[in-house]
Amino acid sequence: MGRRPVTIGIAGGTGSGKTTVVSEIYRNLAGEGIALLEQDAYYRDQRHIPLEERKLVNYDHPLAFDHDLLISHLEELLAGRPIQKPVYSFETYTRTEQTVTVEPKGIIILEGILLLEDQRLRNMLDIKIFVDTDPDVRFIRRLQRDLKERGRTLESVIEQYLNVVRPMHLMFVEPSKRYADIIIPEGGFNRVAIDLILAKIRAILSEREG
């Protein structure tokens, strides 16, 4: 690779609209080549403890993530080498045997709730984005996702939100907003903010081509 990739971190609370922002960047800059690393893929494997105990682990705490592996994978991509991204099962709380090959690209996007909480990751990002959305909207989106995609019950989602997700958001996610270069209210539906981000990405790409 002739130029250093542009690294973009997209953080924000669960259900804030981070994925929509990623989709908009993809849609507008697909020709540049984009690699995506989701923080959720880097949850620590919990297969060493019984399933009932796995359910009690605080998955919204920074220590739930294997950031050492995420950072090493980002370093590999920056060096122009492909990586094997883990595949995590949210039904069994373990990593599966499968991995996904991610090739190095001109743009590398990291997406997750606690990306900006880790100083090591922040230092590796060219653009740091925080997606800011009202708590009630975020909860409804999380509820819909966990019921449809992660095999959870209504009661378990509500209990987890009140006892874990909301306290951890206030303790770790919300304070990390101060590290963002850009704060986007209402996620990918904020056209002005998306256009500003796209312009900044293009400017960095242009500089590195020169």
Protein backbone atom coordinates (compact mmCIF):
# COMPACT_ATOMS: atom_id res chain seq x y z
CA MET A 1 0.00 0.00 0.00
CA GLY A 2 1.45 3.32 -1.05
CA ARG A 3 -0.17 5.50 1.58
CA ARG A 4 -1.10 5.10 5.20
CA PRO A 5 -4.81 4.22 5.56
CA VAL A 6 -7.23 6.70 7.12
CA THR A 7 -8.43 5.37 10.47
CA ILE A 8 -11.88 6.37 11.71
CA GLY A 9 -13.39 5.52 15.09
CA ILE A 10 -17.18 5.65 15.46
CA ALA A 11 -18.35 5.40 19.06
CA GLY A 12 -21.59 6.06 20.93
CA GLY A 13 -24.14 4.31 23.08
CA THR A 14 -25.89 1.11 22.12
CA GLY A 15 -28.58 1.85 19.53
CA SER A 16 -27.27 5.36 18.85
CA GLY A 17 -27.02 4.88 15.08
CA LYS A 18 -23.33 4.04 14.66
CA THR A 19 -24.09 1.40 12.04
CA THR A 20 -26.08 3.93 10.01
CA VAL A 21 -23.11 6.28 10.00
CA VAL A 22 -20.85 3.43 8.85
CA SER A 23 -23.32 2.59 6.09
CA GLU A 24 -23.36 6.18 4.85
CA ILE A 25 -19.55 6.27 4.69
CA TYR A 26 -19.57 2.97 2.81
CA ARG A 27 -22.20 4.21 0.38
CA ASN A 28 -20.30 7.39 -0.45
CA LEU A 29 -16.70 6.13 -0.39
CA ALA A 30 -16.99 2.50 -1.49
CA GLY A 31 -14.58 3.15 -4.35
CA GLU A 32 -11.79 3.93 -1.90
CA GLY A 33 -11.87 0.51 -0.28
CA ILE A 34 -13.05 0.20 3.33
CA ALA A 35 -12.15 -2.30 6.06
CA LEU A 36 -14.45 -2.56 9.09
CA LEU A 37 -13.54 -3.72 12.59
CA GLU A 38 -16.55 -3.97 14.91
CA GLN A 39 -15.66 -3.78 18.58
CA ASP A 40 -18.39 -6.37 19.27
CA ALA A 41 -16.32 -8.96 17.39
CA TYR A 42 -13.61 -8.56 20.02
CA TYR A 43 -15.52 -9.56 23.14
CA ARG A 44 -13.46 -11.85 25.32
CA ASP A 45 -14.28 -15.53 24.91
CA GLN A 46 -16.27 -16.80 27.91
CA ARG A 47 -16.25 -20.52 27.09
CA HIS A 48 -14.20 -21.27 30.21
CA ILE A 49 -17.21 -20.59 32.48
CA PRO A 50 -20.71 -22.18 32.53
CA LEU A 51 -23.41 -20.61 30.34
CA GLU A 52 -25.44 -19.33 33.31
CA GLU A 53 -22.37 -17.52 34.63
CA ARG A 54 -21.61 -16.09 31.20
CA LYS A 55 -25.00 -14.39 31.23
CA LEU A 56 -24.00 -12.49 34.37
CA VAL A 57 -20.80 -11.01 32.90
CA ASN A 58 -20.87 -7.21 32.45
CA TYR A 59 -20.53 -6.91 28.67
CA ASP A 60 -20.73 -3.11 28.75
CA HIS A 61 -17.54 -2.70 30.81
CA PRO A 62 -14.25 -1.92 29.03
CA LEU A 63 -12.69 -5.10 30.43
CA ALA A 64 -15.22 -7.22 28.51
CA PHE A 65 -13.31 -6.46 25.31
CA ASP A 66 -10.01 -7.88 24.10
CA HIS A 67 -8.54 -4.55 23.07
CA ASP A 68 -5.04 -6.02 22.87
CA LEU A 69 -6.18 -8.22 19.98
CA LEU A 70 -8.12 -5.37 18.36
CA ILE A 71 -5.08 -3.10 18.51
CA SER A 72 -2.78 -5.78 17.10
CA HIS A 73 -5.22 -6.35 14.23
CA LEU A 74 -5.37 -2.64 13.51
CA GLU A 75 -1.57 -2.51 13.49
CA GLU A 76 -1.48 -5.39 11.00
CA LEU A 77 -3.92 -3.65 8.66
CA LEU A 78 -1.93 -0.42 8.89
CA ALA A 79 1.15 -2.39 7.92
CA GLY A 80 -0.66 -3.71 4.84
CA ARG A 81 -1.28 -7.23 6.09
CA PRO A 82 -4.67 -9.04 6.25
CA ILE A 83 -6.14 -10.22 9.55
CA GLN A 84 -8.54 -12.91 10.72
CA LYS A 85 -11.33 -11.08 12.54
CA PRO A 86 -13.11 -13.11 15.25
CA VAL A 87 -16.77 -14.06 14.95
CA TYR A 88 -18.59 -13.77 18.28
CA SER A 89 -21.82 -15.56 19.22
CA PHE A 90 -24.19 -13.45 21.31
CA GLU A 91 -26.30 -16.51 22.09
CA THR A 92 -23.49 -18.53 23.71
CA TYR A 93 -21.19 -15.61 24.70
CA THR A 94 -18.22 -17.29 23.02
CA ARG A 95 -16.10 -16.86 19.94
CA THR A 96 -17.02 -19.27 17.21
CA GLU A 97 -14.50 -21.38 15.34
CA GLN A 98 -14.99 -19.21 12.26
CA THR A 99 -13.08 -16.03 11.43
CA VAL A 100 -13.50 -13.41 8.72
CA THR A 101 -10.57 -12.39 6.55
CA VAL A 102 -10.21 -8.59 6.46
CA GLU A 103 -7.87 -7.21 3.82
CA PRO A 104 -6.00 -3.90 4.28
CA LYS A 105 -7.81 -0.98 2.67
CA GLY A 106 -7.39 2.76 2.23
CA ILE A 107 -9.99 3.46 4.91
CA ILE A 108 -10.24 1.50 8.16
CA ILE A 109 -13.35 2.02 10.29
CA LEU A 110 -13.59 0.91 13.91
CA GLU A 111 -17.10 0.89 15.37
CA GLY A 112 -18.21 0.25 18.95
CA ILE A 113 -19.57 1.68 22.17
CA LEU A 114 -16.25 2.05 24.00
CA LEU A 115 -13.70 2.79 21.28
CA LEU A 116 -12.92 6.26 22.62
CA GLU A 117 -12.55 5.01 26.19
CA ASP A 118 -9.20 3.35 25.42
CA GLN A 119 -6.37 5.86 25.01
CA ARG A 120 -4.32 3.42 22.93
CA LEU A 121 -7.09 3.17 20.36
CA ARG A 122 -7.71 6.93 20.39
CA ASN A 123 -4.06 7.54 19.57
CA MET A 124 -4.37 5.37 16.46
CA LEU A 125 -7.39 7.18 15.02
CA ASP A 126 -7.28 10.01 12.50
CA ILE A 127 -10.93 10.92 13.02
CA LYS A 128 -12.85 10.26 16.25
CA ILE A 129 -16.64 10.38 16.00
CA PHE A 130 -19.28 10.08 18.73
CA VAL A 131 -22.88 9.40 17.72
CA ASP A 132 -25.21 11.04 20.26
CA THR A 133 -28.86 9.94 20.42
CA ASP A 134 -31.59 10.29 23.06
CA PRO A 135 -31.65 7.44 25.63
CA ASP A 136 -35.26 6.40 24.91
CA VAL A 137 -34.52 6.02 21.20
CA ARG A 138 -31.38 4.02 21.95
CA PHE A 139 -33.25 1.68 24.30
CA ILE A 140 -36.01 0.97 21.77
CA ARG A 141 -33.44 0.19 19.08
CA ARG A 142 -31.50 -2.11 21.42
CA LEU A 143 -34.70 -3.87 22.44
CA GLN A 144 -35.67 -4.52 18.83
CA ARG A 145 -32.18 -5.74 17.93
CA ASP A 146 -31.76 -8.10 20.88
CA LEU A 147 -35.19 -9.65 20.40
CA LYS A 148 -34.78 -10.17 16.64
CA GLU A 149 -31.07 -10.86 16.23
CA ARG A 150 -29.68 -12.14 19.54
CA GLY A 151 -32.35 -14.50 20.82
CA ARG A 152 -33.04 -12.58 24.02
CA THR A 153 -36.32 -12.32 25.94
CA LEU A 154 -38.10 -9.05 26.65
CA GLU A 155 -37.52 -9.43 30.39
CA SER A 156 -33.81 -10.14 30.03
CA VAL A 157 -33.25 -7.11 27.76
CA ILE A 158 -35.04 -4.75 30.16
CA GLU A 159 -33.22 -6.16 33.19
CA GLN A 160 -29.84 -5.91 31.48
CA TYR A 161 -30.51 -2.37 30.34
CA LEU A 162 -31.52 -1.10 33.78
CA ASN A 163 -28.88 -2.96 35.78
CA VAL A 164 -25.90 -2.90 33.42
CA VAL A 165 -26.26 -1.02 30.14
CA ARG A 166 -27.54 2.29 31.49
CA PRO A 167 -25.09 2.50 34.45
CA MET A 168 -22.14 1.57 32.22
CA HIS A 169 -23.22 4.11 29.62
CA LEU A 170 -23.19 6.85 32.23
CA MET A 171 -19.89 5.67 33.70
CA PHE A 172 -17.85 4.93 30.56
CA VAL A 173 -19.58 5.67 27.25
CA GLU A 174 -20.95 9.16 27.86
CA PRO A 175 -17.70 10.51 29.40
CA SER A 176 -15.74 9.28 26.34
CA LYS A 177 -17.65 11.80 24.22
CA ARG A 178 -15.17 14.49 25.28
CA TYR A 179 -12.47 12.78 23.20
CA ALA A 180 -14.44 13.00 19.95
CA ASP A 181 -13.43 15.29 17.10
CA ILE A 182 -17.02 15.27 15.83
CA ILE A 183 -20.25 14.67 17.75
CA ILE A 184 -23.21 13.67 15.58
CA PRO A 185 -26.70 14.16 17.01
CA GLU A 186 -29.18 11.62 15.62
CA GLY A 187 -26.58 9.48 13.86
CA GLY A 188 -26.72 8.78 10.15
CA PHE A 189 -29.83 10.90 9.69
CA ASN A 190 -27.78 14.06 10.26
CA ARG A 191 -26.92 14.84 6.64
CA VAL A 192 -24.83 17.92 7.42
CA ALA A 193 -22.60 16.02 9.84
CA ILE A 194 -22.18 13.12 7.41
CA ASP A 195 -21.17 15.51 4.62
CA LEU A 196 -18.57 17.14 6.91
CA ILE A 197 -17.12 13.74 7.79
CA LEU A 198 -16.95 12.69 4.14
CA ALA A 199 -15.21 15.95 3.23
CA LYS A 200 -12.64 15.42 5.99
CA ILE A 201 -11.96 11.83 4.91
CA ARG A 202 -11.47 12.92 1.31
CA ALA A 203 -9.12 15.71 2.41
CA ILE A 204 -6.92 13.27 4.36
CA LEU A 205 -6.89 10.82 1.43
CA SER A 206 -5.87 13.64 -0.91
CA GLU A 207 -3.05 14.75 1.41
CA ARG A 208 -1.65 11.22 1.63
CA GLU A 209 -1.70 10.78 -2.12
CA GLY A 210 0.47 13.85 -2.56
